[in-house]
Amino acid sequence: MDLLLVEDDPSDVRVFKDLISQCSGCWRLIVVSDGVEAMLYLRQQEKYAGAPRPSLVLLDLNLPKKDGREVLSEIKGDAQLTSIPVIILTTSRSEQDIRASYLLHASAFITKPRERKEFIDIIKGIDNYWTKVATPPPTA
């Protein structure tokens, strides 16, 4: 399954790549670092023409060029993309961000933990849920 990580922090990307390689092994990770690139990828535009549709998007809220709130709104407002599950994975603990994300139909809102062990547990939980429990929507 293809997993799109939208994250601008290089250290978070490194940690995530390391953790996802320890999971079920069924994920192909695609990383983009800003909201504009995320939408180009999802809409298969420009350099992403022909890119595979992700089974899941992990989306940071605080991104350059176009923030995660705008990206989530665009995904859920686009008939071609709306069925893709989007998990917000951010440092925000703001009740306003949590509420707004769910109103925009995020599948989940997860605050990034400070401790690596907790982050490992979260990634393993996401992996377990989306590979063994839930059936993601078809990608075609």
C-alpha atoms as a PDB file:
ATOM      1  CA  MET A   1       0.000   0.000   0.000  1.00  0.00           C
ATOM      2  CA  ASP A   2       1.144   3.514  -0.703  1.00  0.00           C
ATOM      3  CA  LEU A   3       1.425   5.890   2.225  1.00  0.00           C
ATOM      4  CA  LEU A   4       1.800   9.619   1.592  1.00  0.00           C
ATOM      5  CA  LEU A   5       3.586  11.450   4.407  1.00  0.00           C
ATOM      6  CA  VAL A   6       3.217  15.235   4.213  1.00  0.00           C
ATOM      7  CA  GLU A   7       5.881  16.520   6.589  1.00  0.00           C
ATOM      8  CA  ASP A   8       8.333  19.425   6.402  1.00  0.00           C
ATOM      9  CA  ASP A   9      10.568  18.527   9.360  1.00  0.00           C
ATOM     10  CA  PRO A  10      13.524  16.460   8.048  1.00  0.00           C
ATOM     11  CA  SER A  11      14.167  14.868  11.443  1.00  0.00           C
ATOM     12  CA  ASP A  12      10.527  13.725  11.715  1.00  0.00           C
ATOM     13  CA  VAL A  13      10.769  12.300   8.185  1.00  0.00           C
ATOM     14  CA  ARG A  14      13.935  10.361   9.103  1.00  0.00           C
ATOM     15  CA  VAL A  15      12.326   8.943  12.230  1.00  0.00           C
ATOM     16  CA  PHE A  16       9.185   8.029  10.333  1.00  0.00           C
ATOM     17  CA  LYS A  17      11.127   6.288   7.547  1.00  0.00           C
ATOM     18  CA  ASP A  18      13.030   4.289  10.140  1.00  0.00           C
ATOM     19  CA  LEU A  19       9.863   3.326  12.017  1.00  0.00           C
ATOM     20  CA  ILE A  20       7.792   2.406   8.975  1.00  0.00           C
ATOM     21  CA  SER A  21      10.542   0.051   7.805  1.00  0.00           C
ATOM     22  CA  GLN A  22      10.069  -1.847  11.094  1.00  0.00           C
ATOM     23  CA  CYS A  23       6.334  -2.298  10.560  1.00  0.00           C
ATOM     24  CA  SER A  24       4.417  -4.800   8.466  1.00  0.00           C
ATOM     25  CA  GLY A  25       6.518  -4.191   5.374  1.00  0.00           C
ATOM     26  CA  CYS A  26       3.523  -3.587   3.170  1.00  0.00           C
ATOM     27  CA  TRP A  27       3.893   0.210   2.976  1.00  0.00           C
ATOM     28  CA  ARG A  28       5.575   2.082   0.173  1.00  0.00           C
ATOM     29  CA  LEU A  29       6.369   5.495   1.640  1.00  0.00           C
ATOM     30  CA  ILE A  30       6.083   8.661  -0.420  1.00  0.00           C
ATOM     31  CA  VAL A  31       7.181  11.912   1.252  1.00  0.00           C
ATOM     32  CA  VAL A  32       6.407  15.486   0.251  1.00  0.00           C
ATOM     33  CA  SER A  33       7.400  18.485   2.333  1.00  0.00           C
ATOM     34  CA  ASP A  34       4.667  21.067   1.767  1.00  0.00           C
ATOM     35  CA  GLY A  35       0.974  21.418   1.049  1.00  0.00           C
ATOM     36  CA  VAL A  36       1.382  22.491  -2.566  1.00  0.00           C
ATOM     37  CA  GLU A  37       3.461  19.386  -3.336  1.00  0.00           C
ATOM     38  CA  ALA A  38       0.898  17.226  -1.518  1.00  0.00           C
ATOM     39  CA  MET A  39      -1.926  18.435  -3.750  1.00  0.00           C
ATOM     40  CA  LEU A  40       0.189  18.111  -6.902  1.00  0.00           C
ATOM     41  CA  TYR A  41       0.974  14.534  -5.891  1.00  0.00           C
ATOM     42  CA  LEU A  42      -2.612  13.640  -5.027  1.00  0.00           C
ATOM     43  CA  ARG A  43      -3.922  15.153  -8.257  1.00  0.00           C
ATOM     44  CA  GLN A  44      -1.109  13.487 -10.240  1.00  0.00           C
ATOM     45  CA  GLN A  45      -0.013  16.791 -11.724  1.00  0.00           C
ATOM     46  CA  GLU A  46       3.297  18.014 -13.120  1.00  0.00           C
ATOM     47  CA  LYS A  47       6.184  15.790 -11.978  1.00  0.00           C
ATOM     48  CA  TYR A  48       3.684  13.476 -10.246  1.00  0.00           C
ATOM     49  CA  ALA A  49       1.780  12.530 -13.405  1.00  0.00           C
ATOM     50  CA  GLY A  50       1.055   8.828 -13.149  1.00  0.00           C
ATOM     51  CA  ALA A  51       1.951   8.653  -9.439  1.00  0.00           C
ATOM     52  CA  PRO A  52       0.123   5.940  -7.499  1.00  0.00           C
ATOM     53  CA  ARG A  53      -2.852   7.004  -5.423  1.00  0.00           C
ATOM     54  CA  PRO A  54      -2.038   6.571  -1.719  1.00  0.00           C
ATOM     55  CA  SER A  55      -4.090   4.268   0.479  1.00  0.00           C
ATOM     56  CA  LEU A  56      -3.502   6.631   3.396  1.00  0.00           C
ATOM     57  CA  VAL A  57      -2.257  10.191   3.986  1.00  0.00           C
ATOM     58  CA  LEU A  58      -0.437  11.274   7.143  1.00  0.00           C
ATOM     59  CA  LEU A  59      -0.670  15.046   7.223  1.00  0.00           C
ATOM     60  CA  ASP A  60       1.095  17.622   9.366  1.00  0.00           C
ATOM     61  CA  LEU A  61      -0.906  20.794   9.979  1.00  0.00           C
ATOM     62  CA  ASN A  62       1.915  23.319  10.034  1.00  0.00           C
ATOM     63  CA  LEU A  63       3.353  23.213   6.535  1.00  0.00           C
ATOM     64  CA  PRO A  64       4.965  25.769   4.242  1.00  0.00           C
ATOM     65  CA  LYS A  65       3.249  27.119   1.105  1.00  0.00           C
ATOM     66  CA  LYS A  66      -0.153  25.608   1.970  1.00  0.00           C
ATOM     67  CA  ASP A  67      -0.925  24.470   5.486  1.00  0.00           C
ATOM     68  CA  GLY A  68      -2.381  21.109   6.406  1.00  0.00           C
ATOM     69  CA  ARG A  69      -5.814  22.548   7.164  1.00  0.00           C
ATOM     70  CA  GLU A  70      -6.084  23.812   3.589  1.00  0.00           C
ATOM     71  CA  VAL A  71      -4.780  20.501   2.225  1.00  0.00           C
ATOM     72  CA  LEU A  72      -7.320  18.521   4.266  1.00  0.00           C
ATOM     73  CA  SER A  73     -10.120  20.794   3.085  1.00  0.00           C
ATOM     74  CA  GLU A  74      -9.062  20.358  -0.554  1.00  0.00           C
ATOM     75  CA  ILE A  75      -8.776  16.577  -0.251  1.00  0.00           C
ATOM     76  CA  LYS A  76     -12.180  16.194   1.349  1.00  0.00           C
ATOM     77  CA  GLY A  77     -13.731  18.689  -1.080  1.00  0.00           C
ATOM     78  CA  ASP A  78     -12.483  16.855  -4.178  1.00  0.00           C
ATOM     79  CA  ALA A  79     -14.735  14.022  -5.388  1.00  0.00           C
ATOM     80  CA  GLN A  80     -11.682  12.159  -6.745  1.00  0.00           C
ATOM     81  CA  LEU A  81      -9.781  12.314  -3.430  1.00  0.00           C
ATOM     82  CA  THR A  82     -12.382  12.433  -0.664  1.00  0.00           C
ATOM     83  CA  SER A  83     -12.338   8.689   0.013  1.00  0.00           C
ATOM     84  CA  ILE A  84      -8.624   8.686   0.902  1.00  0.00           C
ATOM     85  CA  PRO A  85      -8.252   8.394   4.685  1.00  0.00           C
ATOM     86  CA  VAL A  86      -6.289  11.301   6.164  1.00  0.00           C
ATOM     87  CA  ILE A  87      -4.697  11.112   9.588  1.00  0.00           C
ATOM     88  CA  ILE A  88      -3.525  14.383  11.083  1.00  0.00           C
ATOM     89  CA  LEU A  89      -0.106  13.833  12.695  1.00  0.00           C
ATOM     90  CA  THR A  90       1.019  17.102  14.221  1.00  0.00           C
ATOM     91  CA  THR A  91       2.580  18.760  17.253  1.00  0.00           C
ATOM     92  CA  SER A  92      -0.612  20.748  17.851  1.00  0.00           C
ATOM     93  CA  ARG A  93      -2.658  20.040  20.938  1.00  0.00           C
ATOM     94  CA  SER A  94      -5.099  22.825  20.175  1.00  0.00           C
ATOM     95  CA  GLU A  95      -8.742  21.960  20.746  1.00  0.00           C
ATOM     96  CA  GLN A  96      -9.553  24.276  17.834  1.00  0.00           C
ATOM     97  CA  ASP A  97      -7.246  22.292  15.493  1.00  0.00           C
ATOM     98  CA  ILE A  98      -8.712  18.997  16.684  1.00  0.00           C
ATOM     99  CA  ARG A  99     -12.293  20.165  16.177  1.00  0.00           C
ATOM    100  CA  ALA A 100     -11.559  21.750  12.795  1.00  0.00           C
ATOM    101  CA  SER A 101      -9.763  18.622  11.559  1.00  0.00           C
ATOM    102  CA  TYR A 102     -12.700  16.383  12.403  1.00  0.00           C
ATOM    103  CA  LEU A 103     -15.169  18.868  10.902  1.00  0.00           C
ATOM    104  CA  LEU A 104     -13.118  18.584   7.707  1.00  0.00           C
ATOM    105  CA  HIS A 105     -13.495  14.777   7.948  1.00  0.00           C
ATOM    106  CA  ALA A 106     -10.035  13.739   9.101  1.00  0.00           C
ATOM    107  CA  SER A 107      -9.950  10.026   9.892  1.00  0.00           C
ATOM    108  CA  ALA A 108      -7.972  10.672  13.085  1.00  0.00           C
ATOM    109  CA  PHE A 109      -6.056  13.400  14.894  1.00  0.00           C
ATOM    110  CA  ILE A 110      -2.801  12.330  16.549  1.00  0.00           C
ATOM    111  CA  THR A 111      -0.489  14.654  18.441  1.00  0.00           C
ATOM    112  CA  LYS A 112       3.150  13.753  17.862  1.00  0.00           C
ATOM    113  CA  PRO A 113       4.678  12.582  21.116  1.00  0.00           C
ATOM    114  CA  ARG A 114       8.008  13.903  22.325  1.00  0.00           C
ATOM    115  CA  GLU A 115       9.386  10.479  23.231  1.00  0.00           C
ATOM    116  CA  ARG A 116      10.610   8.122  20.496  1.00  0.00           C
ATOM    117  CA  LYS A 117       9.067   5.069  22.225  1.00  0.00           C
ATOM    118  CA  GLU A 118       5.633   6.682  22.144  1.00  0.00           C
ATOM    119  CA  PHE A 119       6.122   7.634  18.475  1.00  0.00           C
ATOM    120  CA  ILE A 120       7.053   4.018  17.689  1.00  0.00           C
ATOM    121  CA  ASP A 121       3.873   2.821  19.405  1.00  0.00           C
ATOM    122  CA  ILE A 122       1.750   5.269  17.404  1.00  0.00           C
ATOM    123  CA  ILE A 123       3.261   4.255  14.073  1.00  0.00           C
ATOM    124  CA  LYS A 124       2.876   0.560  14.922  1.00  0.00           C
ATOM    125  CA  GLY A 125      -0.739   1.239  15.884  1.00  0.00           C
ATOM    126  CA  ILE A 126      -1.430   3.008  12.590  1.00  0.00           C
ATOM    127  CA  ASP A 127       0.261   0.173  10.715  1.00  0.00           C
ATOM    128  CA  ASN A 128      -1.699  -2.505  12.581  1.00  0.00           C
ATOM    129  CA  TYR A 129      -5.028  -0.743  12.118  1.00  0.00           C
ATOM    130  CA  TRP A 130      -4.641  -0.029   8.405  1.00  0.00           C
ATOM    131  CA  THR A 131      -3.054  -3.369   7.454  1.00  0.00           C
ATOM    132  CA  LYS A 132      -4.875  -5.820   9.733  1.00  0.00           C
ATOM    133  CA  VAL A 133      -8.094  -4.262  11.034  1.00  0.00           C
ATOM    134  CA  ALA A 134      -9.525  -1.754   8.560  1.00  0.00           C
ATOM    135  CA  THR A 135     -10.086  -2.169   4.857  1.00  0.00           C
ATOM    136  CA  PRO A 136      -8.864   0.983   3.119  1.00  0.00           C
ATOM    137  CA  PRO A 137     -10.846   2.247   0.119  1.00  0.00           C
ATOM    138  CA  PRO A 138      -9.771   0.984  -3.316  1.00  0.00           C
ATOM    139  CA  THR A 139      -7.029   3.085  -4.886  1.00  0.00           C
ATOM    140  CA  ALA A 140      -8.302   2.930  -8.467  1.00  0.00           C
END
